[in-house]
C-alpha atoms as a PDB file:
ATOM      1  CA  MET A   1      59.946 165.505 120.807  1.00  0.00           C
ATOM      2  CA  LEU A   2      63.333 164.233 119.608  1.00  0.00           C
ATOM      3  CA  THR A   3      62.269 160.660 120.289  1.00  0.00           C
ATOM      4  CA  LYS A   4      59.118 161.118 118.215  1.00  0.00           C
ATOM      5  CA  ILE A   5      61.081 162.623 115.312  1.00  0.00           C
ATOM      6  CA  ARG A   6      63.630 159.823 115.491  1.00  0.00           C
ATOM      7  CA  THR A   7      60.879 157.207 115.463  1.00  0.00           C
ATOM      8  CA  LYS A   8      59.255 158.781 112.413  1.00  0.00           C
ATOM      9  CA  LEU A   9      62.604 158.892 110.601  1.00  0.00           C
ATOM     10  CA  VAL A  10      63.292 155.241 111.345  1.00  0.00           C
ATOM     11  CA  ILE A  11      59.877 154.282 110.022  1.00  0.00           C
ATOM     12  CA  ALA A  12      60.402 156.383 106.899  1.00  0.00           C
ATOM     13  CA  VAL A  13      63.781 154.797 106.232  1.00  0.00           C
ATOM     14  CA  ALA A  14      62.477 151.284 106.804  1.00  0.00           C
ATOM     15  CA  VAL A  15      59.464 151.822 104.538  1.00  0.00           C
ATOM     16  CA  SER A  16      61.489 153.375 101.725  1.00  0.00           C
ATOM     17  CA  MET A  17      64.187 150.694 101.811  1.00  0.00           C
ATOM     18  CA  SER A  18      61.819 147.744 102.095  1.00  0.00           C
ATOM     19  CA  ALA A  19      59.686 149.135  99.288  1.00  0.00           C
ATOM     20  CA  GLY A  20      62.747 149.516  97.116  1.00  0.00           C
ATOM     21  CA  MET A  21      63.941 145.985  97.778  1.00  0.00           C
ATOM     22  CA  ALA A  22      60.604 144.225  97.432  1.00  0.00           C
ATOM     23  CA  GLN A  23      59.089 146.163  94.553  1.00  0.00           C
ATOM     24  CA  ALA A  24      58.356 144.115  91.439  1.00  0.00           C
ATOM     25  CA  ALA A  25      58.368 145.817  88.078  1.00  0.00           C
ATOM     26  CA  TYR A  26      56.908 145.240  84.635  1.00  0.00           C
ATOM     27  CA  MET A  27      59.396 146.725  82.199  1.00  0.00           C
ATOM     28  CA  ASP A  28      60.456 146.638  78.569  1.00  0.00           C
ATOM     29  CA  ILE A  29      63.837 144.912  78.430  1.00  0.00           C
ATOM     30  CA  ALA A  30      64.253 145.077  74.643  1.00  0.00           C
ATOM     31  CA  VAL A  31      67.222 147.192  73.554  1.00  0.00           C
ATOM     32  CA  ASN A  32      66.706 149.380  70.471  1.00  0.00           C
ATOM     33  CA  GLY A  33      63.513 147.464  69.732  1.00  0.00           C
ATOM     34  CA  GLY A  34      62.355 150.003  67.133  1.00  0.00           C
ATOM     35  CA  PHE A  35      65.798 150.261  65.496  1.00  0.00           C
ATOM     36  CA  GLU A  36      65.574 154.018  65.953  1.00  0.00           C
ATOM     37  CA  ALA A  37      69.288 154.129  66.750  1.00  0.00           C
ATOM     38  CA  GLY A  38      69.668 153.640  63.007  1.00  0.00           C
ATOM     39  CA  ASN A  39      71.765 150.520  63.589  1.00  0.00           C
ATOM     40  CA  PHE A  40      71.715 147.101  65.273  1.00  0.00           C
ATOM     41  CA  THR A  41      72.747 148.290  68.743  1.00  0.00           C
ATOM     42  CA  GLY A  42      71.349 145.798  71.275  1.00  0.00           C
ATOM     43  CA  TRP A  43      70.894 143.062  68.678  1.00  0.00           C
ATOM     44  CA  ALA A  44      73.026 139.979  68.092  1.00  0.00           C
ATOM     45  CA  GLN A  45      73.395 139.177  64.400  1.00  0.00           C
ATOM     46  CA  TYR A  46      74.008 135.734  62.932  1.00  0.00           C
ATOM     47  CA  PRO A  47      73.693 135.888  59.143  1.00  0.00           C
ATOM     48  CA  SER A  48      75.142 132.917  57.282  1.00  0.00           C
ATOM     49  CA  GLY A  49      76.680 132.634  53.835  1.00  0.00           C
ATOM     50  CA  GLY A  50      74.933 134.670  51.148  1.00  0.00           C
ATOM     51  CA  THR A  51      72.408 136.290  53.524  1.00  0.00           C
ATOM     52  CA  THR A  52      72.194 139.927  54.623  1.00  0.00           C
ATOM     53  CA  GLN A  53      70.899 142.061  57.486  1.00  0.00           C
ATOM     54  CA  SER A  54      70.375 145.791  57.125  1.00  0.00           C
ATOM     55  CA  ILE A  55      68.636 148.853  58.544  1.00  0.00           C
ATOM     56  CA  THR A  56      66.222 150.543  56.169  1.00  0.00           C
ATOM     57  CA  THR A  57      64.187 153.753  56.054  1.00  0.00           C
ATOM     58  CA  ILE A  58      61.832 152.332  53.426  1.00  0.00           C
ATOM     59  CA  ASN A  59      58.302 151.825  54.773  1.00  0.00           C
ATOM     60  CA  PRO A  60      58.961 151.313  58.505  1.00  0.00           C
ATOM     61  CA  SER A  61      55.971 150.373  60.617  1.00  0.00           C
ATOM     62  CA  THR A  62      56.476 153.528  62.710  1.00  0.00           C
ATOM     63  CA  GLY A  63      59.323 155.953  63.227  1.00  0.00           C
ATOM     64  CA  THR A  64      62.226 156.247  60.806  1.00  0.00           C
ATOM     65  CA  TYR A  65      63.865 152.821  60.700  1.00  0.00           C
ATOM     66  CA  ALA A  66      63.138 149.119  60.435  1.00  0.00           C
ATOM     67  CA  ALA A  67      65.369 146.046  60.147  1.00  0.00           C
ATOM     68  CA  ASN A  68      65.590 143.722  57.162  1.00  0.00           C
ATOM     69  CA  VAL A  69      66.664 140.068  57.219  1.00  0.00           C
ATOM     70  CA  ASN A  70      67.095 138.638  53.740  1.00  0.00           C
ATOM     71  CA  ILE A  71      67.928 135.289  52.141  1.00  0.00           C
ATOM     72  CA  PRO A  72      68.275 135.811  48.384  1.00  0.00           C
ATOM     73  CA  VAL A  73      67.800 133.237  45.645  1.00  0.00           C
ATOM     74  CA  GLY A  74      70.728 130.884  45.413  1.00  0.00           C
ATOM     75  CA  ALA A  75      71.917 131.179  49.014  1.00  0.00           C
ATOM     76  CA  GLY A  76      71.183 127.504  49.560  1.00  0.00           C
ATOM     77  CA  ALA A  77      70.268 125.861  52.870  1.00  0.00           C
ATOM     78  CA  VAL A  78      70.965 128.679  55.319  1.00  0.00           C
ATOM     79  CA  ASN A  79      69.684 130.453  58.427  1.00  0.00           C
ATOM     80  CA  ASN A  80      69.664 134.215  58.956  1.00  0.00           C
ATOM     81  CA  VAL A  81      69.178 134.969  62.658  1.00  0.00           C
ATOM     82  CA  LEU A  82      68.581 138.263  64.473  1.00  0.00           C
ATOM     83  CA  LYS A  83      68.127 138.196  68.226  1.00  0.00           C
ATOM     84  CA  GLN A  84      67.801 140.052  71.515  1.00  0.00           C
ATOM     85  CA  GLU A  85      70.288 137.847  73.297  1.00  0.00           C
ATOM     86  CA  ARG A  86      70.804 137.000  76.977  1.00  0.00           C
ATOM     87  CA  LEU A  87      68.632 139.811  78.334  1.00  0.00           C
ATOM     88  CA  LEU A  88      69.062 140.578  82.068  1.00  0.00           C
ATOM     89  CA  ASP A  89      71.862 138.021  82.226  1.00  0.00           C
ATOM     90  CA  GLY A  90      73.582 137.995  85.615  1.00  0.00           C
ATOM     91  CA  THR A  91      71.264 140.553  87.203  1.00  0.00           C
ATOM     92  CA  GLY A  92      69.246 138.097  89.275  1.00  0.00           C
ATOM     93  CA  LEU A  93      66.035 139.802  88.152  1.00  0.00           C
ATOM     94  CA  LEU A  94      64.630 136.780  86.325  1.00  0.00           C
ATOM     95  CA  SER A  95      63.125 133.848  88.197  1.00  0.00           C
ATOM     96  CA  GLU A  96      61.157 130.717  87.445  1.00  0.00           C
ATOM     97  CA  GLY A  97      57.534 131.627  86.770  1.00  0.00           C
ATOM     98  CA  ASP A  98      58.241 135.128  85.450  1.00  0.00           C
ATOM     99  CA  VAL A  99      56.172 135.921  82.364  1.00  0.00           C
ATOM    100  CA  ILE A 100      57.667 137.508  79.249  1.00  0.00           C
ATOM    101  CA  SER A 101      55.138 139.325  77.044  1.00  0.00           C
ATOM    102  CA  TYR A 102      56.487 140.109  73.601  1.00  0.00           C
ATOM    103  CA  SER A 103      55.175 142.169  70.718  1.00  0.00           C
ATOM    104  CA  PHE A 104      56.629 143.018  67.315  1.00  0.00           C
ATOM    105  CA  ASP A 105      55.653 144.228  63.860  1.00  0.00           C
ATOM    106  CA  VAL A 106      56.681 142.215  60.811  1.00  0.00           C
ATOM    107  CA  ARG A 107      56.117 142.185  57.076  1.00  0.00           C
ATOM    108  CA  GLY A 108      57.734 140.196  54.307  1.00  0.00           C
ATOM    109  CA  SER A 109      57.529 137.261  51.971  1.00  0.00           C
ATOM    110  CA  ALA A 110      59.125 133.911  51.206  1.00  0.00           C
ATOM    111  CA  ALA A 111      59.087 131.365  48.403  1.00  0.00           C
ATOM    112  CA  ASP A 112      59.959 127.729  47.754  1.00  0.00           C
ATOM    113  CA  GLY A 113      60.463 126.650  51.341  1.00  0.00           C
ATOM    114  CA  GLY A 114      61.455 129.947  52.966  1.00  0.00           C
ATOM    115  CA  VAL A 115      60.047 130.369  56.469  1.00  0.00           C
ATOM    116  CA  LEU A 116      60.286 132.671  59.479  1.00  0.00           C
ATOM    117  CA  PHE A 117      60.596 131.289  63.001  1.00  0.00           C
ATOM    118  CA  LEU A 118      60.202 133.122  66.300  1.00  0.00           C
ATOM    119  CA  GLU A 119      61.986 131.467  69.191  1.00  0.00           C
ATOM    120  CA  ASN A 120      61.732 132.295  72.897  1.00  0.00           C
ATOM    121  CA  PHE A 121      64.049 130.473  75.257  1.00  0.00           C
ATOM    122  CA  CYS A 122      65.800 130.542  78.609  1.00  0.00           C
ATOM    123  CA  GLU A 123      69.557 130.752  78.852  1.00  0.00           C
ATOM    124  CA  THR A 124      70.293 127.794  81.100  1.00  0.00           C
ATOM    125  CA  ALA A 125      71.408 124.193  80.927  1.00  0.00           C
ATOM    126  CA  ASP A 126      68.193 123.083  82.641  1.00  0.00           C
ATOM    127  CA  PRO A 127      65.950 121.420  80.008  1.00  0.00           C
ATOM    128  CA  LEU A 128      62.867 122.396  82.025  1.00  0.00           C
ATOM    129  CA  CYS A 129      63.530 126.105  81.553  1.00  0.00           C
ATOM    130  CA  GLY A 130      61.669 126.213  78.264  1.00  0.00           C
ATOM    131  CA  ASN A 131      62.050 126.752  74.533  1.00  0.00           C
ATOM    132  CA  ASP A 132      59.160 127.922  72.350  1.00  0.00           C
ATOM    133  CA  LEU A 133      59.411 127.801  68.542  1.00  0.00           C
ATOM    134  CA  THR A 134      56.658 129.435  66.468  1.00  0.00           C
ATOM    135  CA  VAL A 135      56.209 129.835  62.718  1.00  0.00           C
ATOM    136  CA  ILE A 136      55.350 133.433  61.813  1.00  0.00           C
ATOM    137  CA  ASN A 137      53.124 133.759  58.770  1.00  0.00           C
ATOM    138  CA  ALA A 138      54.084 137.224  57.616  1.00  0.00           C
ATOM    139  CA  THR A 139      52.442 139.102  54.753  1.00  0.00           C
ATOM    140  CA  THR A 140      53.614 141.995  52.605  1.00  0.00           C
ATOM    141  CA  SER A 141      51.719 144.401  54.908  1.00  0.00           C
ATOM    142  CA  TRP A 142      52.770 145.143  58.471  1.00  0.00           C
ATOM    143  CA  GLN A 143      51.197 142.920  61.106  1.00  0.00           C
ATOM    144  CA  THR A 144      51.601 142.962  64.877  1.00  0.00           C
ATOM    145  CA  PHE A 145      52.263 139.665  66.640  1.00  0.00           C
ATOM    146  CA  THR A 146      52.037 139.231  70.411  1.00  0.00           C
ATOM    147  CA  GLY A 147      52.501 136.393  72.858  1.00  0.00           C
ATOM    148  CA  ASP A 148      53.668 135.254  76.283  1.00  0.00           C
ATOM    149  CA  PHE A 149      56.490 133.010  77.425  1.00  0.00           C
ATOM    150  CA  THR A 150      56.844 131.687  80.983  1.00  0.00           C
ATOM    151  CA  LEU A 151      60.374 131.171  82.272  1.00  0.00           C
ATOM    152  CA  GLY A 152      61.111 127.755  83.723  1.00  0.00           C
ATOM    153  CA  ALA A 153      63.578 126.239  86.144  1.00  0.00           C
ATOM    154  CA  GLY A 154      67.084 127.588  86.526  1.00  0.00           C
ATOM    155  CA  VAL A 155      66.657 130.663  84.331  1.00  0.00           C
ATOM    156  CA  THR A 156      69.553 133.129  84.277  1.00  0.00           C
ATOM    157  CA  ALA A 157      68.758 135.070  81.098  1.00  0.00           C
ATOM    158  CA  TYR A 158      66.213 135.294  78.281  1.00  0.00           C
ATOM    159  CA  THR A 159      66.555 135.399  74.490  1.00  0.00           C
ATOM    160  CA  LEU A 160      64.093 136.243  71.721  1.00  0.00           C
ATOM    161  CA  GLN A 161      65.201 135.541  68.170  1.00  0.00           C
ATOM    162  CA  PHE A 162      63.936 135.776  64.614  1.00  0.00           C
ATOM    163  CA  ALA A 163      65.268 133.146  62.209  1.00  0.00           C
ATOM    164  CA  ALA A 164      64.669 133.293  58.469  1.00  0.00           C
ATOM    165  CA  VAL A 165      65.350 129.811  57.101  1.00  0.00           C
ATOM    166  CA  CYS A 166      65.734 128.296  53.654  1.00  0.00           C
ATOM    167  CA  GLY A 167      65.991 124.610  52.847  1.00  0.00           C
ATOM    168  CA  GLY A 168      67.737 122.954  49.964  1.00  0.00           C
ATOM    169  CA  SER A 169      65.699 124.426  47.107  1.00  0.00           C
ATOM    170  CA  PRO A 170      67.908 126.621  44.890  1.00  0.00           C
ATOM    171  CA  SER A 171      64.968 128.970  44.296  1.00  0.00           C
ATOM    172  CA  CYS A 172      64.172 129.477  48.013  1.00  0.00           C
ATOM    173  CA  THR A 173      63.932 133.071  49.265  1.00  0.00           C
ATOM    174  CA  ALA A 174      63.002 134.720  52.570  1.00  0.00           C
ATOM    175  CA  ASP A 175      62.793 138.473  52.987  1.00  0.00           C
ATOM    176  CA  TYR A 176      61.440 139.953  56.246  1.00  0.00           C
ATOM    177  CA  TYR A 177      61.223 143.354  57.940  1.00  0.00           C
ATOM    178  CA  PHE A 178      60.919 143.964  61.696  1.00  0.00           C
ATOM    179  CA  ASP A 179      59.951 146.976  63.790  1.00  0.00           C
ATOM    180  CA  ASN A 180      58.624 147.943  67.242  1.00  0.00           C
ATOM    181  CA  VAL A 181      59.953 144.923  69.121  1.00  0.00           C
ATOM    182  CA  SER A 182      58.841 145.078  72.756  1.00  0.00           C
ATOM    183  CA  ILE A 183      59.774 142.539  75.432  1.00  0.00           C
ATOM    184  CA  MET A 184      57.908 143.167  78.680  1.00  0.00           C
ATOM    185  CA  ALA A 185      59.288 141.239  81.643  1.00  0.00           C
ATOM    186  CA  ASP A 186      57.382 140.771  84.885  1.00  0.00           C
ATOM    187  CA  VAL A 187      60.508 140.621  87.004  1.00  0.00           C
ATOM    188  CA  ASN A 188      60.310 139.560  90.619  1.00  0.00           C
ATOM    189  CA  ALA A 189      62.545 142.097  92.290  1.00  0.00           C
ATOM    190  CA  VAL A 190      64.222 145.337  91.340  1.00  0.00           C
ATOM    191  CA  PRO A 191      67.402 146.269  93.248  1.00  0.00           C
ATOM    192  CA  ILE A 192      66.888 149.240  95.490  1.00  0.00           C
ATOM    193  CA  PRO A 193      67.986 152.434  93.697  1.00  0.00           C
ATOM    194  CA  ALA A 194      71.214 154.019  94.874  1.00  0.00           C
ATOM    195  CA  ALA A 195      69.355 157.248  95.585  1.00  0.00           C
ATOM    196  CA  VAL A 196      67.113 155.476  98.089  1.00  0.00           C
ATOM    197  CA  TRP A 197      70.103 153.978  99.897  1.00  0.00           C
ATOM    198  CA  LEU A 198      71.763 157.400 100.059  1.00  0.00           C
ATOM    199  CA  PHE A 199      68.578 158.998 101.316  1.00  0.00           C
ATOM    200  CA  GLY A 200      68.120 156.316 103.954  1.00  0.00           C
ATOM    201  CA  SER A 201      71.736 156.397 105.112  1.00  0.00           C
ATOM    202  CA  GLY A 202      71.536 160.190 105.334  1.00  0.00           C
ATOM    203  CA  LEU A 203      68.487 160.025 107.569  1.00  0.00           C
ATOM    204  CA  LEU A 204      70.130 157.435 109.774  1.00  0.00           C
ATOM    205  CA  GLY A 205      73.178 159.705 110.012  1.00  0.00           C
ATOM    206  CA  LEU A 206      71.002 162.570 111.213  1.00  0.00           C
ATOM    207  CA  ILE A 207      69.480 160.300 113.817  1.00  0.00           C
ATOM    208  CA  GLY A 208      72.953 159.406 115.054  1.00  0.00           C
ATOM    209  CA  VAL A 209      73.974 163.073 115.303  1.00  0.00           C
ATOM    210  CA  ALA A 210      70.828 163.930 117.221  1.00  0.00           C
ATOM    211  CA  ARG A 211      71.408 161.027 119.600  1.00  0.00           C
ATOM    212  CA  ARG A 212      74.990 162.135 120.341  1.00  0.00           C
ATOM    213  CA  LYS A 213      73.855 165.693 121.018  1.00  0.00           C
ATOM    214  CA  LYS A 214      71.235 164.487 123.436  1.00  0.00           C
ATOM    215  CA  ALA A 215      73.764 162.291 125.235  1.00  0.00           C
ATOM    216  CA  ALA A 216      76.155 165.255 125.585  1.00  0.00           C
END
């Protein structure tokens, strides 16, 4: 009987640990994507001279807050960049061929050369890893934009960024609002949870105790 119990425990431990190590996961890696923290937690901000970034409660797409990236008249040739930067960096969860599916709500307007770019890119020195630049044609009403980005060679991290840009025209403006940013990553492997390791080691400990008792 003890041998049968021990065999079942070993199988249970092996199954739980192997499942934990091999399990892939599709998860949202965006941090504070809806800005519901009421601030820019999780976002890297790169406004340049004369531009602003702010959190607003005026007409969010959903919830209480949205983010505003603004280039006012007279700012000159500038960029105003807001990004989810270096996501999953150093975790080993991203690999070549993983697919990033992004979604976000945006509204806004621009004039005299103002434009909004969405950029998806790998964080690596390998030029084959990928960099995707897309012009977003926002309107004054909320719209939802979605897309996919496949990670290339040598990926270590992933970045999604919004860049409002004005050229040399002194009358250029760009004023955009963002909400509900979701970044779903089809990661290849999720580290086994600590609870599973503890559970497995506990079972193996019980097996060892039972074995010693039998030997005595």
